[in-house]
Amino acid sequence: TSAIGGGSLPGETLPTRALSIPAAVCGEGGTEGLAGRLRQASVPVVVRIADDQVLLDPRTVMPDEDGDLVASLKEALGV
């Protein structure tokens, strides 16, 4: 599940699916390092960390933003 509304509906969630990036492939700084690099990418990406994984919830990513998201992931992962 993911939170609704960034605090406007505390405790409310929606079912979702997430892209999971395990700590073993996050690179320098592990999950926290990757999350930081994504926040600082050319097109910033907000993720959450759970169970030693970086979780990217595509629920709010519009189809025309897919390319930017992939570019930010590549930038943050150094590929």
Protein backbone atom coordinates (compact mmCIF):
# COMPACT_ATOMS: atom_id res chain seq x y z
CA THR A 1 0.00 0.00 0.00
CA SER A 2 1.01 3.61 -0.35
CA ALA A 3 -0.04 6.73 1.51
CA ILE A 4 -2.64 9.04 0.02
CA GLY A 5 -2.18 12.79 -0.30
CA GLY A 6 1.12 13.49 1.40
CA GLY A 7 -0.43 13.99 4.83
CA SER A 8 -3.84 15.37 3.91
CA LEU A 9 -5.40 11.98 4.69
CA PRO A 10 -3.27 10.62 7.55
CA GLY A 11 -3.38 6.86 7.84
CA GLU A 12 -5.25 6.36 4.56
CA THR A 13 -3.64 4.11 1.94
CA LEU A 14 -4.28 2.72 -1.53
CA PRO A 15 -3.25 -0.67 -2.88
CA THR A 16 -0.33 -0.35 -5.28
CA ARG A 17 2.55 -2.17 -6.92
CA ALA A 18 6.13 -0.98 -6.57
CA LEU A 19 9.45 -1.47 -8.31
CA SER A 20 11.80 -2.94 -5.73
CA ILE A 21 15.54 -2.33 -5.91
CA PRO A 22 17.42 -4.53 -3.41
CA ALA A 23 20.25 -3.05 -1.36
CA ALA A 24 22.76 -5.33 -3.12
CA VAL A 25 22.38 -3.35 -6.37
CA CYS A 26 21.95 0.15 -4.90
CA GLY A 27 25.64 0.97 -5.07
CA GLU A 28 27.55 3.31 -2.76
CA GLY A 29 25.66 4.08 0.43
CA GLY A 30 23.15 1.26 -0.01
CA THR A 31 19.45 2.09 0.01
CA GLU A 32 19.95 5.50 1.68
CA GLY A 33 22.63 6.39 -0.88
CA LEU A 34 20.44 5.47 -3.84
CA ALA A 35 17.44 7.32 -2.38
CA GLY A 36 19.61 10.42 -1.96
CA ARG A 37 20.99 10.23 -5.49
CA LEU A 38 17.46 9.87 -6.88
CA ARG A 39 16.30 12.95 -4.95
CA GLN A 40 19.24 14.88 -6.42
CA ALA A 41 18.90 13.53 -9.99
CA SER A 42 18.35 15.88 -12.94
CA VAL A 43 14.67 14.94 -12.65
CA PRO A 44 14.23 14.21 -8.92
CA VAL A 45 12.51 10.98 -7.89
CA VAL A 46 10.96 10.40 -4.46
CA VAL A 47 11.18 6.81 -3.22
CA ARG A 48 10.67 5.01 0.07
CA ILE A 49 12.80 2.41 1.80
CA ALA A 50 11.40 -0.76 3.34
CA ASP A 51 12.89 -4.17 4.14
CA ASP A 52 16.35 -3.11 2.91
CA GLN A 53 14.97 -2.20 -0.52
CA VAL A 54 14.32 1.03 -2.39
CA LEU A 55 10.67 1.09 -3.46
CA LEU A 56 9.52 3.16 -6.38
CA ASP A 57 5.74 3.52 -6.58
CA PRO A 58 4.67 4.28 -10.16
CA ARG A 59 1.12 5.23 -9.08
CA THR A 60 1.81 8.94 -9.65
CA VAL A 61 4.09 8.61 -12.70
CA MET A 62 2.30 9.68 -15.87
CA PRO A 63 2.99 7.66 -19.06
CA ASP A 64 4.82 10.58 -20.68
CA GLU A 65 7.18 10.72 -17.66
CA ASP A 66 8.49 7.15 -18.08
CA GLY A 67 11.56 8.26 -20.04
CA ASP A 68 12.53 10.82 -17.40
CA LEU A 69 12.10 8.22 -14.67
CA VAL A 70 14.31 5.70 -16.47
CA ALA A 71 16.95 8.39 -17.10
CA SER A 72 16.97 9.35 -13.41
CA LEU A 73 17.30 5.70 -12.36
CA LYS A 74 20.22 5.20 -14.75
CA GLU A 75 21.88 8.39 -13.49
CA ALA A 76 21.48 7.39 -9.84
CA LEU A 77 22.67 3.81 -10.45
CA GLY A 78 25.58 4.93 -12.65
CA VAL A 79 24.58 2.90 -15.70
